[in-house]
Amino acid sequence: MPTIFVSALSLICAALSTSAADVATPQIQCEEATFDFGSRDAAESVEHTFLVKNTGTADLEIKKVQPACGCTTAELEKNIIPPGDSAKVAAKLSLAGRSGEVQKPINIESNDPTNPTLQLLIKGIVSADFQISPNTMMLQKDSPQALASASVIVKSLKNEPFEILTSQSESGKLKIRWDKLPDESAYQVTANLEDRYEPGQYGDKITLETNHPTRKQLEVSVLVVVPAPISVAPSKLVLPQETSSPISRTIVLKNPPNSPLTIDKIETPYPSMTSKFEPMGDFGVRVVIGNIQPSVALAGQSVTIHLSNGQVIQVPMELKEKP
């Protein structure tokens, strides 16, 4: 009898092992994941097509293609790649404002269980007569309707005087001005953005016309970043009219997917109030305001929460109406 039991158990284990081995899984692969463009001038753009292949046994789903910054774009031929098939990733890198060694990654997120993020890389050396610092103008909007402003310095590396004659953004949405610096070979270029943008990242480009003898045009890469809204619950703190002892209230901040939420500081209406916060995993952050002594003076005041990305959240207080 024991022999029969052991034999049956062995058969079951063998069957389970075979079943696990036969599970179909996708596998992402790119034989040439790094492209070296050699040496190029900053007035040029680099274009290259990567070939991503599915060497697995199930459909490969490309969930996201994320270039490192606004100077790089990447277009995917198709999102679903059957086993044995491949898809093109057409990448383009603007070298405007860059000099020296350049490395720009492109991350590809997929349903490959063993390699969920494949990194492609474009690299090379950029020679330039001009320097744009920082090399990408970052326009950070606190909300879709908020205003945004940013500046870069455009400088001749050979210290040659030049004039900026006109400017134009690719989107037509940027209001641009330029101010000559005391150094005759440099300008501060500032862009203001007033249009509403939905949450996400948007690439743009500013073209500057100059009177420079060899560089009639200069390009400034622009990246517009609009954070996804943060859910706040409750939207206001309702306090009782009277209480025999101090009370506490909890606020939950829920962050958007793939957007970590970090609190810098919390301000309460009175120093006597306490505040603490604790992370809730990927869900968000729990904020507890303690030692609240309800009074008429608190009505209309707010708890102010400062986030590390510069956002400020205000949660107003109000007194519950007497029945």
Protein backbone atom coordinates (compact mmCIF):
# COMPACT_ATOMS: atom_id res chain seq x y z
CA MET A 1 0.00 0.00 0.00
CA PRO A 2 2.77 2.55 0.84
CA THR A 3 4.43 1.78 -2.50
CA ILE A 4 1.20 2.56 -4.39
CA PHE A 5 0.81 5.87 -2.48
CA VAL A 6 4.38 7.00 -3.27
CA SER A 7 3.99 6.11 -6.94
CA ALA A 8 0.73 8.06 -7.19
CA LEU A 9 2.32 11.08 -5.48
CA SER A 10 5.25 10.97 -7.89
CA LEU A 11 2.90 10.96 -10.87
CA ILE A 12 1.01 13.99 -9.52
CA CYS A 13 4.24 15.94 -8.95
CA ALA A 14 5.48 15.07 -12.43
CA ALA A 15 2.17 16.18 -13.95
CA LEU A 16 2.29 19.51 -12.07
CA SER A 17 5.89 20.07 -13.14
CA THR A 18 5.03 19.41 -16.79
CA SER A 19 2.00 21.70 -16.57
CA ALA A 20 4.09 24.56 -15.14
CA ALA A 21 6.69 24.12 -17.85
CA ASP A 22 3.99 24.29 -20.54
CA VAL A 23 2.56 27.65 -19.37
CA ALA A 24 2.79 30.09 -22.27
CA THR A 25 4.66 33.31 -21.45
CA PRO A 26 5.83 36.28 -23.55
CA GLN A 27 9.50 37.30 -23.72
CA ILE A 28 10.70 40.70 -24.92
CA GLN A 29 14.03 41.01 -26.71
CA CYS A 30 15.95 43.63 -28.67
CA GLU A 31 19.20 42.37 -30.22
CA GLU A 32 20.57 45.93 -30.62
CA ALA A 33 19.20 47.79 -27.62
CA THR A 34 21.90 50.51 -27.78
CA PHE A 35 22.38 52.84 -30.75
CA ASP A 36 25.60 54.89 -30.91
CA PHE A 37 25.21 57.79 -33.35
CA GLY A 38 28.91 58.68 -33.18
CA SER A 39 29.62 62.41 -33.33
CA ARG A 40 26.96 64.89 -34.47
CA ASP A 41 26.45 68.64 -34.47
CA ALA A 42 23.95 70.15 -32.02
CA ALA A 43 21.95 71.53 -34.96
CA GLU A 44 21.02 67.99 -36.01
CA SER A 45 18.46 65.42 -34.89
CA VAL A 46 19.18 61.70 -34.56
CA GLU A 47 16.67 59.16 -35.87
CA HIS A 48 16.86 55.41 -35.33
CA THR A 49 14.47 52.47 -35.49
CA PHE A 50 14.79 49.75 -32.85
CA LEU A 51 13.34 46.29 -33.48
CA VAL A 52 11.59 44.68 -30.49
CA LYS A 53 10.85 40.96 -30.80
CA ASN A 54 8.70 38.49 -28.89
CA THR A 55 10.74 35.32 -28.41
CA GLY A 56 8.21 33.82 -26.00
CA THR A 57 5.18 31.57 -26.47
CA ALA A 58 2.35 34.03 -25.65
CA ASP A 59 1.33 37.45 -26.97
CA LEU A 60 3.62 40.26 -25.81
CA GLU A 61 1.71 43.36 -24.74
CA ILE A 62 3.59 46.67 -24.77
CA LYS A 63 1.99 48.71 -21.99
CA LYS A 64 4.06 51.88 -22.16
CA VAL A 65 6.92 53.47 -24.12
CA GLN A 66 8.54 56.19 -22.00
CA PRO A 67 11.46 58.33 -23.30
CA ALA A 68 13.68 59.90 -20.62
CA CYS A 69 12.83 63.52 -21.49
CA GLY A 70 11.03 65.81 -23.91
CA CYS A 71 14.00 65.90 -26.30
CA THR A 72 13.29 62.28 -27.27
CA THR A 73 10.22 60.82 -28.97
CA ALA A 74 9.44 57.16 -29.60
CA GLU A 75 6.60 55.74 -31.70
CA LEU A 76 5.62 52.09 -31.38
CA GLU A 77 4.41 50.24 -34.47
CA LYS A 78 1.91 48.07 -32.54
CA ASN A 79 1.07 47.22 -28.95
CA ILE A 80 0.43 43.46 -29.30
CA ILE A 81 3.27 41.32 -30.67
CA PRO A 82 2.47 37.62 -31.30
CA PRO A 83 5.10 34.93 -30.56
CA GLY A 84 7.95 35.07 -33.10
CA ASP A 85 6.82 38.47 -34.41
CA SER A 86 8.43 41.90 -33.93
CA ALA A 87 7.53 45.60 -33.84
CA LYS A 88 9.44 48.74 -34.74
CA VAL A 89 10.13 51.55 -32.28
CA ALA A 90 10.92 54.73 -34.25
CA ALA A 91 12.99 57.03 -32.04
CA LYS A 92 14.04 60.63 -32.63
CA LEU A 93 16.43 62.66 -30.46
CA SER A 94 16.86 66.44 -30.78
CA LEU A 95 20.45 67.47 -30.04
CA ALA A 96 19.53 71.14 -29.63
CA GLY A 97 21.31 72.72 -26.68
CA ARG A 98 23.43 69.67 -25.97
CA SER A 99 27.19 69.24 -25.98
CA GLY A 100 29.63 66.52 -25.05
CA GLU A 101 28.58 62.96 -24.24
CA VAL A 102 24.84 62.28 -24.47
CA GLN A 103 22.91 59.20 -23.29
CA LYS A 104 19.12 59.08 -23.57
CA PRO A 105 17.22 55.95 -22.45
CA ILE A 106 13.78 54.80 -23.63
CA ASN A 107 11.95 52.46 -21.27
CA ILE A 108 9.52 49.90 -22.67
CA GLU A 109 7.10 48.34 -20.17
CA SER A 110 5.48 45.03 -21.12
CA ASN A 111 3.81 41.91 -19.72
CA ASP A 112 7.05 39.92 -19.87
CA PRO A 113 7.13 38.39 -16.34
CA THR A 114 10.93 38.09 -16.24
CA ASN A 115 11.81 41.43 -17.85
CA PRO A 116 8.89 43.86 -17.36
CA THR A 117 10.98 46.93 -18.34
CA LEU A 118 13.32 46.83 -21.32
CA GLN A 119 15.64 49.81 -21.70
CA LEU A 120 16.75 51.08 -25.11
CA LEU A 121 19.57 53.61 -25.31
CA ILE A 122 20.65 56.31 -27.77
CA LYS A 123 24.13 57.69 -27.14
CA GLY A 124 26.90 59.66 -28.80
CA ILE A 125 28.99 62.83 -28.77
CA VAL A 126 27.57 66.27 -29.57
CA SER A 127 29.78 69.12 -30.78
CA ALA A 128 28.29 72.59 -30.51
CA ASP A 129 28.94 76.30 -30.97
CA PHE A 130 26.12 77.13 -28.55
CA GLN A 131 25.13 75.92 -25.11
CA ILE A 132 21.55 75.91 -23.80
CA SER A 133 21.32 75.52 -20.03
CA PRO A 134 19.44 73.61 -18.79
CA ASN A 135 19.26 71.66 -22.04
CA THR A 136 15.48 71.13 -21.67
CA MET A 137 13.06 73.85 -20.61
CA MET A 138 10.74 72.30 -18.01
CA LEU A 139 7.28 73.86 -17.67
CA GLN A 140 5.69 72.39 -14.54
CA LYS A 141 1.97 73.11 -14.09
CA ASP A 142 0.52 72.57 -10.61
CA SER A 143 -2.89 71.83 -12.16
CA PRO A 144 -4.39 71.63 -15.69
CA GLN A 145 -5.47 75.29 -15.57
CA ALA A 146 -2.45 76.71 -13.70
CA LEU A 147 0.07 79.07 -15.27
CA ALA A 148 3.65 77.94 -15.82
CA SER A 149 6.90 79.74 -16.58
CA ALA A 150 10.50 78.63 -17.15
CA SER A 151 13.77 79.99 -18.53
CA VAL A 152 16.99 78.80 -20.15
CA ILE A 153 20.29 80.52 -20.92
CA VAL A 154 21.44 80.50 -24.55
CA LYS A 155 25.18 81.20 -24.86
CA SER A 156 27.79 81.21 -27.59
CA LEU A 157 30.62 78.90 -26.53
CA LYS A 158 33.01 80.95 -28.67
CA ASN A 159 31.87 84.16 -26.95
CA GLU A 160 30.68 85.57 -30.27
CA PRO A 161 28.08 88.38 -29.97
CA PHE A 162 24.75 87.58 -31.64
CA GLU A 163 21.14 88.77 -31.68
CA ILE A 164 17.91 86.80 -31.35
CA LEU A 165 15.55 88.15 -34.01
CA THR A 166 12.34 86.11 -33.68
CA SER A 167 10.98 83.11 -31.79
CA GLN A 168 8.24 80.54 -32.38
CA SER A 169 7.02 77.50 -30.46
CA GLU A 170 6.03 74.36 -32.32
CA SER A 171 2.65 74.23 -30.56
CA GLY A 172 2.02 77.96 -30.90
CA LYS A 173 0.91 78.02 -27.24
CA LEU A 174 4.02 79.49 -25.63
CA LYS A 175 4.53 83.20 -25.02
CA ILE A 176 8.24 83.77 -25.43
CA ARG A 177 10.52 86.64 -24.55
CA TRP A 178 14.29 87.01 -24.56
CA ASP A 179 16.58 89.29 -22.58
CA LYS A 180 20.21 89.94 -23.39
CA LEU A 181 22.54 89.33 -20.47
CA PRO A 182 25.49 91.60 -19.58
CA ASP A 183 27.61 89.07 -21.43
CA GLU A 184 26.97 90.07 -25.08
CA SER A 185 27.18 86.42 -26.13
CA ALA A 186 24.26 85.16 -23.99
CA TYR A 187 20.49 85.54 -23.64
CA GLN A 188 17.90 84.45 -21.11
CA VAL A 189 14.92 82.96 -22.97
CA THR A 190 11.67 82.69 -20.98
CA ALA A 191 8.45 80.93 -21.94
CA ASN A 192 5.04 81.35 -20.30
CA LEU A 193 2.20 78.86 -20.71
CA GLU A 194 -1.40 79.84 -19.98
CA ASP A 195 -3.37 77.19 -21.92
CA ARG A 196 -5.11 74.35 -20.12
CA TYR A 197 -3.43 70.94 -20.39
CA GLU A 198 -4.77 67.61 -19.16
CA PRO A 199 -2.51 65.59 -16.82
CA GLY A 200 0.47 64.07 -18.61
CA GLN A 201 3.74 65.04 -20.32
CA TYR A 202 3.89 67.01 -23.55
CA GLY A 203 6.88 67.78 -25.75
CA ASP A 204 7.29 71.14 -27.48
CA LYS A 205 10.07 73.05 -29.19
CA ILE A 206 11.10 76.70 -29.44
CA THR A 207 12.88 77.84 -32.62
CA LEU A 208 15.01 80.98 -32.31
CA GLU A 209 16.03 82.93 -35.43
CA THR A 210 19.41 84.65 -34.99
CA ASN A 211 21.85 86.83 -36.92
CA HIS A 212 24.75 84.50 -36.13
CA PRO A 213 26.81 83.92 -39.31
CA THR A 214 26.77 80.10 -39.05
CA ARG A 215 23.79 79.34 -36.79
CA LYS A 216 20.75 81.12 -38.14
CA GLN A 217 18.44 78.89 -36.07
CA LEU A 218 18.64 77.53 -32.54
CA GLU A 219 16.23 75.02 -31.03
CA VAL A 220 15.19 74.72 -27.39
CA SER A 221 13.54 71.47 -26.28
CA VAL A 222 10.52 72.01 -24.03
CA LEU A 223 8.75 69.56 -21.73
CA VAL A 224 5.34 70.44 -20.25
CA VAL A 225 4.48 68.38 -17.15
CA VAL A 226 0.98 68.36 -15.65
CA PRO A 227 0.57 66.16 -12.54
CA ALA A 228 -2.49 63.98 -12.16
CA PRO A 229 -4.91 65.24 -9.51
CA ILE A 230 -4.61 63.92 -5.97
CA SER A 231 -7.77 62.63 -4.31
CA VAL A 232 -8.44 64.18 -0.89
CA ALA A 233 -10.99 62.64 1.52
CA PRO A 234 -12.74 64.20 3.20
CA SER A 235 -12.67 67.46 1.24
CA LYS A 236 -13.37 69.37 4.47
CA LEU A 237 -13.11 68.69 8.20
CA VAL A 238 -16.51 68.96 9.91
CA LEU A 239 -16.20 69.66 13.65
CA PRO A 240 -18.85 69.50 16.38
CA GLN A 241 -20.02 72.74 17.94
CA GLU A 242 -19.13 71.59 21.44
CA THR A 243 -16.94 68.85 22.90
CA SER A 244 -15.71 68.09 26.38
CA SER A 245 -12.22 67.13 25.21
CA PRO A 246 -9.94 67.68 22.20
CA ILE A 247 -10.68 65.57 19.10
CA SER A 248 -8.76 64.32 16.07
CA ARG A 249 -9.58 64.05 12.37
CA THR A 250 -8.08 61.92 9.58
CA ILE A 251 -7.39 63.00 6.00
CA VAL A 252 -6.52 60.47 3.28
CA LEU A 253 -4.52 61.56 0.23
CA LYS A 254 -4.69 59.11 -2.66
CA ASN A 255 -1.96 59.45 -5.25
CA PRO A 256 -2.40 58.71 -9.00
CA PRO A 257 -0.87 55.45 -10.35
CA ASN A 258 2.94 55.51 -10.68
CA SER A 259 3.09 58.92 -8.95
CA PRO A 260 4.65 58.57 -5.49
CA LEU A 261 3.30 61.05 -2.96
CA THR A 262 5.61 62.66 -0.41
CA ILE A 263 4.65 65.22 2.21
CA ASP A 264 7.15 67.95 3.10
CA LYS A 265 5.24 69.62 5.92
CA ILE A 266 1.78 70.18 7.42
CA GLU A 267 0.52 73.51 8.76
CA THR A 268 -2.39 73.67 11.22
CA PRO A 269 -4.41 76.76 12.25
CA TYR A 270 -2.97 76.66 15.79
CA PRO A 271 0.44 75.49 17.03
CA SER A 272 -1.27 73.49 19.77
CA MET A 273 -2.71 71.10 17.19
CA THR A 274 -0.66 68.02 16.33
CA SER A 275 -0.09 66.44 12.94
CA LYS A 276 1.39 63.18 11.74
CA PHE A 277 1.27 61.17 8.55
CA GLU A 278 2.00 57.61 7.49
CA PRO A 279 2.17 55.94 4.06
CA MET A 280 -0.57 53.48 3.06
CA GLY A 281 1.48 51.42 0.61
CA ASP A 282 0.65 52.23 -3.01
CA PHE A 283 -2.71 53.66 -1.96
CA GLY A 284 -1.53 57.03 -0.62
CA VAL A 285 -0.88 58.75 2.71
CA ARG A 286 -2.95 59.02 5.89
CA VAL A 287 -2.76 62.36 7.74
CA VAL A 288 -4.00 62.66 11.32
CA ILE A 289 -4.67 66.08 12.87
CA GLY A 290 -4.95 65.88 16.66
CA ASN A 291 -5.65 68.01 19.70
CA ILE A 292 -8.38 69.94 17.92
CA GLN A 293 -10.47 72.08 20.26
CA PRO A 294 -13.55 73.11 18.22
CA SER A 295 -14.44 76.78 18.38
CA VAL A 296 -16.11 79.44 16.26
CA ALA A 297 -12.66 80.82 15.48
CA LEU A 298 -11.76 77.61 13.58
CA ALA A 299 -14.61 77.97 11.08
CA GLY A 300 -13.16 78.85 7.65
CA GLN A 301 -9.58 78.05 8.58
CA SER A 302 -7.64 75.24 6.88
CA VAL A 303 -5.08 72.51 7.31
CA THR A 304 -2.36 73.13 4.70
CA ILE A 305 -0.39 70.17 3.33
CA HIS A 306 2.81 70.86 1.34
CA LEU A 307 3.94 68.12 -1.08
CA SER A 308 7.49 67.54 -2.30
CA ASN A 309 6.48 68.28 -5.92
CA GLY A 310 5.47 71.82 -4.95
CA GLN A 311 1.74 71.20 -4.76
CA VAL A 312 -0.17 72.66 -1.84
CA ILE A 313 -3.42 71.07 -0.60
CA GLN A 314 -5.78 72.94 1.71
CA VAL A 315 -8.51 71.18 3.68
CA PRO A 316 -10.94 73.71 5.22
CA MET A 317 -12.60 73.34 8.61
CA GLU A 318 -16.24 74.06 9.41
CA LEU A 319 -18.51 73.63 12.40
CA LYS A 320 -21.45 71.25 12.23
CA GLU A 321 -24.75 73.08 12.38
CA LYS A 322 -26.83 72.50 15.46
CA PRO A 323 -30.04 70.52 14.80
